[in-house]
């Protein structure tokens, strides 16, 4: 999931993860993401990984690749536990 998401972000937002922009970089502060890009990314995550994001994501803004991956992993675990 992480590699697919990384590739999607690089293609969609036209940048590359490297030594300057790492998996832990705040993508808003780096100028990669804005609010529209973030919504697009969250929509992709909902559709691709079946993770309902609702209001929960609004209070817990994931701003780096590693933060987003951690959020999706935790949401998937919660969803699996509630079945």
N, C-alpha and C. Protein backbone atom coordinates (compact mmCIF):
# COMPACT_ATOMS: atom_id res chain seq x y z
N UNK A 1 0.83 -1.19 0.00
CA UNK A 1 0.00 0.00 0.00
C UNK A 1 0.87 1.25 0.00
N UNK A 2 1.92 1.23 0.78
CA UNK A 2 2.78 2.41 0.89
C UNK A 2 3.41 2.77 -0.45
N UNK A 3 3.92 1.76 -1.17
CA UNK A 3 4.57 2.04 -2.45
C UNK A 3 3.57 2.57 -3.48
N UNK A 4 2.36 2.00 -3.51
CA UNK A 4 1.35 2.47 -4.46
C UNK A 4 0.97 3.91 -4.13
N UNK A 5 0.79 4.20 -2.87
CA UNK A 5 0.42 5.54 -2.45
C UNK A 5 1.53 6.54 -2.76
N UNK A 6 2.75 6.13 -2.53
CA UNK A 6 3.91 6.97 -2.84
C UNK A 6 3.95 7.29 -4.33
N UNK A 7 3.77 6.27 -5.17
CA UNK A 7 3.77 6.46 -6.62
C UNK A 7 2.62 7.37 -7.05
N UNK A 8 1.44 7.14 -6.46
CA UNK A 8 0.28 7.98 -6.79
C UNK A 8 0.56 9.44 -6.47
N UNK A 9 1.12 9.69 -5.29
CA UNK A 9 1.40 11.06 -4.87
C UNK A 9 2.44 11.71 -5.78
N UNK A 10 3.49 10.97 -6.13
CA UNK A 10 4.53 11.53 -7.00
C UNK A 10 3.96 11.88 -8.38
N UNK A 11 3.12 11.01 -8.91
CA UNK A 11 2.53 11.27 -10.23
C UNK A 11 1.48 12.38 -10.17
N UNK A 12 0.65 12.35 -9.17
CA UNK A 12 -0.46 13.31 -9.06
C UNK A 12 0.05 14.72 -8.75
N UNK A 13 1.05 14.82 -7.87
CA UNK A 13 1.51 16.13 -7.41
C UNK A 13 2.85 16.54 -8.02
N UNK A 14 3.34 15.74 -8.96
CA UNK A 14 4.54 16.05 -9.75
C UNK A 14 5.76 16.43 -8.90
N UNK A 15 6.18 15.50 -8.06
CA UNK A 15 7.41 15.65 -7.29
C UNK A 15 7.96 14.26 -7.05
N UNK A 16 9.14 14.17 -6.47
CA UNK A 16 9.72 12.88 -6.12
C UNK A 16 10.17 12.91 -4.67
N UNK A 17 9.90 11.80 -3.98
CA UNK A 17 10.46 11.64 -2.65
C UNK A 17 11.96 11.42 -2.83
N UNK A 18 12.76 12.16 -2.09
CA UNK A 18 14.21 12.06 -2.16
C UNK A 18 14.80 12.52 -0.84
N UNK A 19 16.03 12.97 -0.83
CA UNK A 19 16.66 13.39 0.42
C UNK A 19 16.09 14.70 0.95
N UNK A 20 15.51 15.53 0.07
CA UNK A 20 14.90 16.78 0.52
C UNK A 20 13.45 16.60 0.94
N UNK A 21 12.72 15.79 0.20
CA UNK A 21 11.32 15.51 0.53
C UNK A 21 11.24 14.03 0.86
N UNK A 22 11.22 13.75 2.17
CA UNK A 22 11.23 12.37 2.64
C UNK A 22 9.81 11.93 2.98
N UNK A 23 9.70 10.69 3.41
CA UNK A 23 8.40 10.16 3.81
C UNK A 23 7.87 10.84 5.06
N UNK A 24 8.71 11.54 5.79
CA UNK A 24 8.29 12.25 7.01
C UNK A 24 8.11 13.74 6.81
N UNK A 25 8.35 14.24 5.61
CA UNK A 25 8.22 15.67 5.33
C UNK A 25 6.77 16.12 5.41
N UNK A 26 6.54 17.26 6.05
CA UNK A 26 5.21 17.88 6.06
C UNK A 26 4.97 18.41 4.64
N UNK A 27 4.07 17.76 3.92
CA UNK A 27 3.86 18.07 2.51
C UNK A 27 3.16 19.41 2.29
N UNK A 28 2.49 19.92 3.31
CA UNK A 28 1.91 21.27 3.21
C UNK A 28 3.02 22.30 3.30
N UNK A 29 3.88 22.15 4.30
CA UNK A 29 4.98 23.11 4.48
C UNK A 29 5.96 23.09 3.31
N UNK A 30 6.11 21.92 2.67
CA UNK A 30 7.02 21.79 1.53
C UNK A 30 6.39 22.35 0.25
N UNK A 31 5.11 22.73 0.31
CA UNK A 31 4.45 23.28 -0.87
C UNK A 31 3.95 22.24 -1.86
N UNK A 32 3.94 20.97 -1.46
CA UNK A 32 3.47 19.89 -2.32
C UNK A 32 1.94 19.83 -2.32
N UNK A 33 1.36 19.89 -1.14
CA UNK A 33 -0.09 19.78 -0.98
C UNK A 33 -0.71 21.12 -0.61
N UNK A 34 -1.91 21.34 -1.13
CA UNK A 34 -2.77 22.41 -0.65
C UNK A 34 -4.09 21.73 -0.28
N UNK A 35 -5.09 22.50 0.11
CA UNK A 35 -6.33 21.89 0.57
C UNK A 35 -7.02 21.08 -0.52
N UNK A 36 -6.96 21.53 -1.76
CA UNK A 36 -7.59 20.78 -2.85
C UNK A 36 -6.85 19.47 -3.11
N UNK A 37 -5.54 19.52 -3.09
CA UNK A 37 -4.73 18.32 -3.27
C UNK A 37 -4.96 17.32 -2.15
N UNK A 38 -5.11 17.82 -0.94
CA UNK A 38 -5.36 16.96 0.22
C UNK A 38 -6.69 16.23 0.07
N UNK A 39 -7.72 16.97 -0.34
CA UNK A 39 -9.03 16.35 -0.54
C UNK A 39 -8.95 15.29 -1.64
N UNK A 40 -8.25 15.60 -2.71
CA UNK A 40 -8.05 14.64 -3.79
C UNK A 40 -7.34 13.38 -3.27
N UNK A 41 -6.33 13.56 -2.47
CA UNK A 41 -5.59 12.44 -1.91
C UNK A 41 -6.47 11.60 -0.98
N UNK A 42 -7.25 12.24 -0.13
CA UNK A 42 -8.13 11.52 0.78
C UNK A 42 -9.21 10.76 0.01
N UNK A 43 -9.70 11.34 -1.08
CA UNK A 43 -10.68 10.65 -1.93
C UNK A 43 -10.05 9.40 -2.54
N UNK A 44 -8.82 9.52 -3.00
CA UNK A 44 -8.10 8.37 -3.56
C UNK A 44 -7.97 7.27 -2.50
N UNK A 45 -7.62 7.64 -1.29
CA UNK A 45 -7.46 6.67 -0.21
C UNK A 45 -8.78 5.97 0.09
N UNK A 46 -9.85 6.73 0.15
CA UNK A 46 -11.18 6.13 0.39
C UNK A 46 -11.52 5.12 -0.70
N UNK A 47 -11.32 5.51 -1.94
CA UNK A 47 -11.69 4.66 -3.07
C UNK A 47 -10.74 3.47 -3.24
N UNK A 48 -9.47 3.69 -3.11
CA UNK A 48 -8.47 2.64 -3.36
C UNK A 48 -8.37 1.62 -2.23
N UNK A 49 -8.48 2.11 -0.98
CA UNK A 49 -8.23 1.23 0.16
C UNK A 49 -9.48 0.97 1.00
N UNK A 50 -10.62 1.54 0.60
CA UNK A 50 -11.86 1.29 1.31
C UNK A 50 -11.87 1.82 2.73
N UNK A 51 -11.13 2.87 2.97
CA UNK A 51 -11.04 3.47 4.30
C UNK A 51 -11.98 4.67 4.36
N UNK A 52 -13.07 4.55 5.12
CA UNK A 52 -13.97 5.70 5.26
C UNK A 52 -13.31 6.77 6.12
N UNK A 53 -13.22 7.98 5.59
CA UNK A 53 -12.46 9.02 6.29
C UNK A 53 -13.33 10.01 7.05
N UNK A 54 -14.55 10.25 6.65
CA UNK A 54 -15.49 11.08 7.39
C UNK A 54 -14.89 12.24 8.14
N UNK A 55 -15.48 12.58 9.28
CA UNK A 55 -15.03 13.71 10.10
C UNK A 55 -13.75 13.41 10.86
N UNK A 56 -13.45 12.15 11.07
CA UNK A 56 -12.28 11.77 11.86
C UNK A 56 -10.99 12.36 11.28
N UNK A 57 -10.86 12.35 9.97
CA UNK A 57 -9.64 12.84 9.34
C UNK A 57 -9.49 14.35 9.50
N UNK A 58 -10.60 15.05 9.61
CA UNK A 58 -10.53 16.51 9.73
C UNK A 58 -9.87 16.94 11.03
N UNK A 59 -10.05 16.17 12.08
CA UNK A 59 -9.43 16.51 13.36
C UNK A 59 -8.04 15.94 13.51
N UNK A 60 -7.64 15.07 12.59
CA UNK A 60 -6.35 14.39 12.68
C UNK A 60 -5.68 14.46 11.32
N UNK A 61 -5.21 15.63 10.94
CA UNK A 61 -4.68 15.84 9.60
C UNK A 61 -3.33 15.16 9.46
N UNK A 62 -3.28 14.19 8.55
CA UNK A 62 -2.03 13.51 8.24
C UNK A 62 -1.35 14.31 7.14
N UNK A 63 -0.13 14.75 7.39
CA UNK A 63 0.53 15.67 6.44
C UNK A 63 1.79 15.11 5.80
N UNK A 64 2.19 13.90 6.17
CA UNK A 64 3.37 13.28 5.56
C UNK A 64 2.96 11.90 5.05
N UNK A 65 3.77 11.34 4.16
CA UNK A 65 3.46 10.00 3.67
C UNK A 65 3.42 9.01 4.82
N UNK A 66 4.39 9.07 5.71
CA UNK A 66 4.41 8.11 6.83
C UNK A 66 3.20 8.31 7.74
N UNK A 67 2.77 9.54 7.95
CA UNK A 67 1.58 9.81 8.75
C UNK A 67 0.31 9.30 8.10
N UNK A 68 0.22 9.47 6.79
CA UNK A 68 -0.95 9.00 6.05
C UNK A 68 -1.01 7.47 6.07
N UNK A 69 0.13 6.83 5.86
CA UNK A 69 0.18 5.36 5.88
C UNK A 69 -0.22 4.85 7.27
N UNK A 70 0.29 5.47 8.32
CA UNK A 70 -0.07 5.07 9.69
C UNK A 70 -1.56 5.24 9.93
N UNK A 71 -2.13 6.34 9.45
CA UNK A 71 -3.55 6.57 9.61
C UNK A 71 -4.38 5.50 8.89
N UNK A 72 -4.01 5.20 7.64
CA UNK A 72 -4.75 4.20 6.86
C UNK A 72 -4.62 2.82 7.51
N UNK A 73 -3.43 2.46 7.96
CA UNK A 73 -3.24 1.17 8.63
C UNK A 73 -4.11 1.07 9.88
N UNK A 74 -4.14 2.13 10.68
CA UNK A 74 -4.94 2.13 11.91
C UNK A 74 -6.44 2.05 11.58
N UNK A 75 -6.86 2.78 10.55
CA UNK A 75 -8.28 2.75 10.15
C UNK A 75 -8.68 1.36 9.65
N UNK A 76 -7.78 0.71 8.93
CA UNK A 76 -8.06 -0.65 8.44
C UNK A 76 -8.16 -1.64 9.60
N UNK A 77 -7.30 -1.48 10.59
CA UNK A 77 -7.36 -2.36 11.76
C UNK A 77 -8.66 -2.17 12.54
N UNK A 78 -9.07 -0.91 12.70
CA UNK A 78 -10.34 -0.64 13.39
C UNK A 78 -11.51 -1.24 12.63
N UNK A 79 -11.49 -1.09 11.30
CA UNK A 79 -12.58 -1.62 10.48
C UNK A 79 -12.62 -3.14 10.55
N UNK A 80 -11.45 -3.78 10.56
CA UNK A 80 -11.39 -5.24 10.64
C UNK A 80 -11.86 -5.72 12.00
N UNK A 81 -11.56 -4.96 13.04
CA UNK A 81 -11.97 -5.33 14.39
C UNK A 81 -13.46 -5.18 14.64
N UNK A 82 -14.11 -4.33 13.87
CA UNK A 82 -15.54 -4.08 14.08
C UNK A 82 -16.42 -5.03 13.28
N UNK A 83 -15.80 -5.93 12.53
CA UNK A 83 -16.58 -6.89 11.72
C UNK A 83 -17.02 -8.06 12.52
